[in-house]
């Protein structure tokens, strides 16, 4: 565990371990939950599909395409849960492939229509 005070900035860094310098990583989704085994019932989206959902979230420039750096403020769930667990999904793309998901930024995924 990593202990922080309430409303303290929490800084995170994800690193891609690969010798291929033509890859980049992108933080697609980060969800917080008081239950490390359930990120659906009581969950809080920090970033979803590249769209920022928490106003304290910020990204930091990295000189290395293999690093993703970001921060958000620490919080608790409804004053009853002092532990918060994170699950983040990152994407790996070819560096400079502007048609890849890594370069699209925020995308709201459309729901499919049901046909008769």
N, C-alpha and C. Protein backbone atom coordinates (compact mmCIF):
# COMPACT_ATOMS: atom_id res chain seq x y z
N UNK A 1 0.83 -1.22 0.00
CA UNK A 1 0.00 0.00 0.00
C UNK A 1 0.85 1.25 0.00
N UNK A 2 0.27 2.29 -0.52
CA UNK A 2 0.90 3.61 -0.55
C UNK A 2 -0.02 4.55 0.22
N UNK A 3 0.48 5.16 1.27
CA UNK A 3 -0.35 5.98 2.14
C UNK A 3 -0.21 7.46 1.79
N UNK A 4 -1.35 8.11 1.60
CA UNK A 4 -1.38 9.54 1.32
C UNK A 4 -2.49 10.17 2.15
N UNK A 5 -2.37 11.45 2.40
CA UNK A 5 -3.41 12.18 3.10
C UNK A 5 -4.53 12.55 2.14
N UNK A 6 -5.71 12.74 2.69
CA UNK A 6 -6.86 13.14 1.91
C UNK A 6 -6.57 14.44 1.17
N UNK A 7 -6.93 14.51 -0.09
CA UNK A 7 -6.73 15.65 -1.00
C UNK A 7 -5.26 15.90 -1.36
N UNK A 8 -4.38 15.03 -0.95
CA UNK A 8 -2.98 15.15 -1.36
C UNK A 8 -2.86 14.69 -2.81
N UNK A 9 -2.00 15.34 -3.58
CA UNK A 9 -1.78 14.91 -4.96
C UNK A 9 -1.09 13.55 -4.95
N UNK A 10 -1.58 12.67 -5.77
CA UNK A 10 -0.99 11.35 -5.95
C UNK A 10 -0.42 11.31 -7.36
N UNK A 11 0.88 11.11 -7.46
CA UNK A 11 1.56 11.11 -8.75
C UNK A 11 1.84 9.68 -9.17
N UNK A 12 1.52 9.36 -10.42
CA UNK A 12 1.73 8.02 -10.93
C UNK A 12 2.53 8.06 -12.23
N UNK A 13 3.24 6.98 -12.47
CA UNK A 13 3.99 6.84 -13.71
C UNK A 13 3.90 5.39 -14.15
N UNK A 14 3.58 5.20 -15.40
CA UNK A 14 3.57 3.87 -16.00
C UNK A 14 4.70 3.81 -17.01
N UNK A 15 5.38 2.69 -17.01
CA UNK A 15 6.55 2.55 -17.89
C UNK A 15 6.41 1.29 -18.74
N UNK A 16 6.62 1.45 -20.02
CA UNK A 16 6.61 0.32 -20.95
C UNK A 16 8.04 -0.20 -21.05
N UNK A 17 8.23 -1.46 -20.68
CA UNK A 17 9.55 -2.07 -20.74
C UNK A 17 9.69 -2.81 -22.07
N UNK A 18 10.28 -2.14 -23.04
CA UNK A 18 10.48 -2.71 -24.36
C UNK A 18 11.70 -2.06 -25.00
N UNK A 19 12.44 -2.81 -25.76
CA UNK A 19 13.59 -2.25 -26.46
C UNK A 19 13.17 -1.55 -27.76
N UNK A 20 11.91 -1.72 -28.15
CA UNK A 20 11.40 -1.10 -29.37
C UNK A 20 11.11 0.38 -29.09
N UNK A 21 11.92 1.27 -29.61
CA UNK A 21 11.78 2.71 -29.39
C UNK A 21 10.65 3.33 -30.21
N UNK A 22 10.01 2.53 -31.06
CA UNK A 22 8.91 3.03 -31.90
C UNK A 22 7.54 2.76 -31.29
N UNK A 23 7.50 2.60 -29.96
CA UNK A 23 6.24 2.37 -29.27
C UNK A 23 5.96 3.53 -28.32
N UNK A 24 4.69 3.75 -28.06
CA UNK A 24 4.27 4.76 -27.10
C UNK A 24 3.13 4.18 -26.27
N UNK A 25 2.90 4.74 -25.08
CA UNK A 25 1.79 4.29 -24.26
C UNK A 25 0.82 5.44 -24.01
N UNK A 26 -0.43 5.08 -23.77
CA UNK A 26 -1.50 6.04 -23.58
C UNK A 26 -2.40 5.56 -22.44
N UNK A 27 -2.69 6.42 -21.49
CA UNK A 27 -3.59 6.08 -20.39
C UNK A 27 -5.02 6.21 -20.91
N UNK A 28 -5.69 5.09 -21.08
CA UNK A 28 -7.04 5.08 -21.62
C UNK A 28 -8.08 5.19 -20.52
N UNK A 29 -7.93 4.40 -19.46
CA UNK A 29 -8.93 4.34 -18.40
C UNK A 29 -8.28 4.11 -17.05
N UNK A 30 -8.73 4.84 -16.03
CA UNK A 30 -8.34 4.59 -14.65
C UNK A 30 -9.60 4.68 -13.79
N UNK A 31 -9.86 3.63 -13.05
CA UNK A 31 -11.04 3.53 -12.20
C UNK A 31 -10.57 3.29 -10.78
N UNK A 32 -11.23 3.95 -9.82
CA UNK A 32 -10.94 3.75 -8.40
C UNK A 32 -12.11 3.03 -7.76
N UNK A 33 -11.80 2.20 -6.77
CA UNK A 33 -12.82 1.45 -6.05
C UNK A 33 -12.34 1.16 -4.63
N UNK A 34 -13.26 1.06 -3.67
CA UNK A 34 -12.86 0.65 -2.33
C UNK A 34 -12.65 -0.86 -2.22
N UNK A 35 -13.06 -1.60 -3.23
CA UNK A 35 -12.93 -3.06 -3.26
C UNK A 35 -11.96 -3.46 -4.37
N UNK A 36 -10.84 -4.09 -4.01
CA UNK A 36 -9.85 -4.44 -5.04
C UNK A 36 -10.33 -5.52 -6.02
N UNK A 37 -11.47 -6.15 -5.72
CA UNK A 37 -11.99 -7.21 -6.59
C UNK A 37 -13.23 -6.79 -7.37
N UNK A 38 -13.73 -5.58 -7.14
CA UNK A 38 -14.95 -5.12 -7.80
C UNK A 38 -14.80 -3.66 -8.21
N UNK A 39 -14.64 -3.43 -9.50
CA UNK A 39 -14.50 -2.07 -10.02
C UNK A 39 -15.76 -1.63 -10.76
N UNK A 40 -16.90 -2.24 -10.39
CA UNK A 40 -18.17 -1.89 -11.03
C UNK A 40 -19.21 -1.37 -10.05
N UNK A 41 -19.40 -2.05 -8.92
CA UNK A 41 -20.47 -1.71 -7.99
C UNK A 41 -20.33 -0.31 -7.42
N UNK A 42 -19.22 -0.05 -6.75
CA UNK A 42 -18.94 1.28 -6.21
C UNK A 42 -17.61 1.70 -6.82
N UNK A 43 -17.68 2.45 -7.88
CA UNK A 43 -16.48 2.82 -8.62
C UNK A 43 -16.52 4.29 -9.00
N UNK A 44 -15.34 4.83 -9.20
CA UNK A 44 -15.23 6.23 -9.57
C UNK A 44 -14.27 6.32 -10.75
N UNK A 45 -14.75 6.85 -11.87
CA UNK A 45 -13.92 7.00 -13.06
C UNK A 45 -13.04 8.24 -12.92
N UNK A 46 -11.75 8.04 -13.01
CA UNK A 46 -10.82 9.17 -13.02
C UNK A 46 -10.59 9.60 -14.46
N UNK A 47 -10.42 8.62 -15.33
CA UNK A 47 -10.33 8.86 -16.77
C UNK A 47 -10.96 7.64 -17.45
N UNK A 48 -11.77 7.89 -18.47
CA UNK A 48 -12.46 6.78 -19.15
C UNK A 48 -12.41 7.01 -20.64
N UNK A 49 -11.89 6.04 -21.36
CA UNK A 49 -11.74 6.11 -22.82
C UNK A 49 -10.99 7.38 -23.23
N UNK A 50 -10.00 7.76 -22.41
CA UNK A 50 -9.19 8.94 -22.70
C UNK A 50 -9.83 10.24 -22.28
N UNK A 51 -11.06 10.19 -21.75
CA UNK A 51 -11.78 11.39 -21.33
C UNK A 51 -11.62 11.59 -19.83
N UNK A 52 -11.13 12.74 -19.43
CA UNK A 52 -10.92 13.03 -18.02
C UNK A 52 -12.27 13.19 -17.33
N UNK A 53 -12.46 12.47 -16.22
CA UNK A 53 -13.70 12.52 -15.45
C UNK A 53 -13.51 13.20 -14.10
N UNK A 54 -12.27 13.37 -13.67
CA UNK A 54 -11.97 13.99 -12.38
C UNK A 54 -11.21 15.28 -12.63
N UNK A 55 -11.70 16.37 -12.05
CA UNK A 55 -11.10 17.68 -12.32
C UNK A 55 -9.68 17.83 -11.78
N UNK A 56 -9.28 16.96 -10.85
CA UNK A 56 -7.92 17.06 -10.31
C UNK A 56 -6.91 16.27 -11.15
N UNK A 57 -7.39 15.53 -12.14
CA UNK A 57 -6.51 14.73 -13.00
C UNK A 57 -5.71 15.64 -13.93
N UNK A 58 -4.44 15.35 -14.06
CA UNK A 58 -3.58 16.09 -14.99
C UNK A 58 -2.49 15.15 -15.50
N UNK A 59 -2.12 15.35 -16.75
CA UNK A 59 -1.01 14.58 -17.31
C UNK A 59 0.24 15.45 -17.30
N UNK A 60 1.38 14.79 -17.31
CA UNK A 60 2.66 15.50 -17.35
C UNK A 60 3.44 15.03 -18.56
N UNK A 61 4.07 15.99 -19.21
CA UNK A 61 4.88 15.67 -20.38
C UNK A 61 6.05 14.77 -19.96
N UNK A 62 6.36 13.82 -20.80
CA UNK A 62 7.50 12.95 -20.56
C UNK A 62 8.41 13.00 -21.79
N UNK A 63 9.70 13.10 -21.60
CA UNK A 63 10.62 13.12 -22.73
C UNK A 63 10.74 11.74 -23.39
N UNK A 64 10.19 10.72 -22.74
CA UNK A 64 10.30 9.35 -23.21
C UNK A 64 8.91 8.83 -23.56
N UNK A 65 8.73 8.32 -24.77
CA UNK A 65 7.41 7.82 -25.20
C UNK A 65 7.01 6.55 -24.46
N UNK A 66 7.95 5.93 -23.74
CA UNK A 66 7.66 4.72 -22.98
C UNK A 66 7.11 5.02 -21.59
N UNK A 67 6.95 6.31 -21.25
CA UNK A 67 6.45 6.71 -19.94
C UNK A 67 5.14 7.47 -20.08
N UNK A 68 4.23 7.19 -19.16
CA UNK A 68 3.00 7.97 -19.03
C UNK A 68 2.97 8.48 -17.59
N UNK A 69 2.87 9.79 -17.43
CA UNK A 69 2.87 10.41 -16.10
C UNK A 69 1.58 11.18 -15.89
N UNK A 70 0.98 10.99 -14.71
CA UNK A 70 -0.25 11.71 -14.40
C UNK A 70 -0.44 11.82 -12.89
N UNK A 71 -1.41 12.65 -12.49
CA UNK A 71 -1.69 12.83 -11.07
C UNK A 71 -3.17 13.08 -10.88
N UNK A 72 -3.63 12.87 -9.65
CA UNK A 72 -4.98 13.25 -9.22
C UNK A 72 -4.95 13.37 -7.71
N UNK A 73 -6.00 13.97 -7.14
CA UNK A 73 -6.07 14.15 -5.70
C UNK A 73 -6.60 12.88 -5.03
N UNK A 74 -5.98 12.52 -3.91
CA UNK A 74 -6.44 11.36 -3.15
C UNK A 74 -7.80 11.67 -2.53
N UNK A 75 -8.65 10.66 -2.43
CA UNK A 75 -9.99 10.83 -1.89
C UNK A 75 -10.41 9.56 -1.19
N UNK A 76 -11.54 9.61 -0.49
CA UNK A 76 -12.10 8.42 0.13
C UNK A 76 -13.54 8.26 -0.35
N UNK A 77 -14.04 7.04 -0.30
CA UNK A 77 -15.40 6.77 -0.75
C UNK A 77 -16.38 6.96 0.40
N UNK A 78 -17.20 7.98 0.31
CA UNK A 78 -18.32 8.23 1.21
C UNK A 78 -17.93 8.13 2.69
N UNK A 79 -16.74 8.54 3.04
CA UNK A 79 -16.25 8.58 4.41
C UNK A 79 -16.28 7.24 5.14
N UNK A 80 -16.62 6.17 4.45
CA UNK A 80 -16.65 4.85 5.08
C UNK A 80 -15.49 3.98 4.63
N UNK A 81 -14.94 4.28 3.49
CA UNK A 81 -13.87 3.45 2.94
C UNK A 81 -12.60 4.29 2.85
N UNK A 82 -11.64 3.97 3.67
CA UNK A 82 -10.41 4.76 3.67
C UNK A 82 -9.40 4.25 2.65
N UNK A 83 -9.56 3.01 2.19
CA UNK A 83 -8.66 2.46 1.17
C UNK A 83 -9.28 2.64 -0.21
N UNK A 84 -8.45 3.03 -1.15
CA UNK A 84 -8.89 3.20 -2.53
C UNK A 84 -7.94 2.40 -3.42
N UNK A 85 -8.49 1.59 -4.29
CA UNK A 85 -7.70 0.77 -5.21
C UNK A 85 -7.89 1.29 -6.62
N UNK A 86 -6.83 1.23 -7.40
CA UNK A 86 -6.87 1.71 -8.77
C UNK A 86 -6.72 0.56 -9.76
N UNK A 87 -7.43 0.68 -10.87
CA UNK A 87 -7.20 -0.21 -12.01
C UNK A 87 -7.12 0.69 -13.23
N UNK A 88 -5.97 0.66 -13.86
CA UNK A 88 -5.76 1.50 -15.04
C UNK A 88 -5.52 0.62 -16.26
N UNK A 89 -6.03 1.06 -17.38
CA UNK A 89 -5.81 0.39 -18.65
C UNK A 89 -5.01 1.32 -19.55
N UNK A 90 -3.91 0.82 -20.02
CA UNK A 90 -3.04 1.59 -20.91
C UNK A 90 -2.96 0.90 -22.25
N UNK A 91 -2.78 1.69 -23.28
CA UNK A 91 -2.67 1.16 -24.63
C UNK A 91 -1.25 1.35 -25.13
N UNK A 92 -0.79 0.41 -25.92
CA UNK A 92 0.52 0.49 -26.56
C UNK A 92 0.29 0.64 -28.05
N UNK A 93 0.90 1.67 -28.63
CA UNK A 93 0.73 1.95 -30.06
C UNK A 93 2.08 2.23 -30.70
N UNK A 94 2.09 2.21 -32.02
CA UNK A 94 3.28 2.61 -32.77
C UNK A 94 3.45 4.12 -32.65
N UNK A 95 4.64 4.55 -32.36
CA UNK A 95 4.96 5.97 -32.25
C UNK A 95 4.74 6.63 -33.61
N UNK A 96 3.96 7.71 -33.64
CA UNK A 96 3.72 8.45 -34.87
C UNK A 96 2.58 7.91 -35.71
N UNK A 97 1.91 6.82 -35.27
CA UNK A 97 0.76 6.29 -36.00
C UNK A 97 -0.48 7.06 -35.55
N UNK A 98 -0.75 8.17 -36.21
CA UNK A 98 -1.81 9.07 -35.78
C UNK A 98 -3.21 8.52 -35.99
N UNK A 99 -3.34 7.38 -36.66
CA UNK A 99 -4.65 6.74 -36.79
C UNK A 99 -4.89 5.77 -35.64
N UNK A 100 -3.89 5.54 -34.80
CA UNK A 100 -4.04 4.60 -33.69
C UNK A 100 -4.81 5.24 -32.55
N UNK A 101 -5.31 4.43 -31.67
CA UNK A 101 -6.11 4.89 -30.52
C UNK A 101 -5.30 5.83 -29.61
N UNK A 102 -4.01 5.66 -29.51
CA UNK A 102 -3.18 6.49 -28.64
C UNK A 102 -3.22 7.97 -29.02
N UNK A 103 -3.45 8.27 -30.27
CA UNK A 103 -3.43 9.65 -30.74
C UNK A 103 -4.83 10.25 -30.88
N UNK A 104 -5.87 9.49 -30.57
CA UNK A 104 -7.23 9.98 -30.72
C UNK A 104 -7.71 10.77 -29.51
N UNK A 105 -7.04 10.62 -28.38
CA UNK A 105 -7.46 11.34 -27.18
C UNK A 105 -8.79 10.85 -26.65
N UNK A 106 -9.63 11.79 -26.23
CA UNK A 106 -10.93 11.45 -25.65
C UNK A 106 -11.88 10.96 -26.73
N UNK A 107 -12.41 9.77 -26.53
CA UNK A 107 -13.42 9.25 -27.45
C UNK A 107 -14.59 8.74 -26.64
N UNK A 108 -15.76 9.20 -26.96
CA UNK A 108 -16.96 8.65 -26.33
C UNK A 108 -17.45 7.54 -27.23
N UNK A 109 -17.48 6.37 -26.67
CA UNK A 109 -17.87 5.22 -27.48
C UNK A 109 -19.37 5.20 -27.64
N UNK A 110 -19.82 5.12 -28.87
CA UNK A 110 -21.26 5.13 -29.12
C UNK A 110 -21.86 3.76 -28.84
N UNK A 111 -23.10 3.80 -28.37
CA UNK A 111 -23.82 2.56 -28.10
C UNK A 111 -24.40 2.03 -29.40
N UNK A 112 -24.41 0.72 -29.52
CA UNK A 112 -24.98 0.12 -30.72
C UNK A 112 -26.48 0.08 -30.63
N UNK A 113 -27.10 0.28 -31.77
CA UNK A 113 -28.56 0.20 -31.82
C UNK A 113 -28.97 -1.27 -31.90
N UNK A 114 -30.07 -1.57 -31.24
CA UNK A 114 -30.57 -2.95 -31.34
C UNK A 114 -31.51 -3.02 -32.54
N UNK A 115 -31.34 -4.06 -33.31
CA UNK A 115 -32.19 -4.21 -34.50
C UNK A 115 -33.31 -5.21 -34.19
N UNK A 116 -34.37 -5.08 -34.92
CA UNK A 116 -35.55 -5.95 -34.66
C UNK A 116 -35.30 -7.35 -35.20
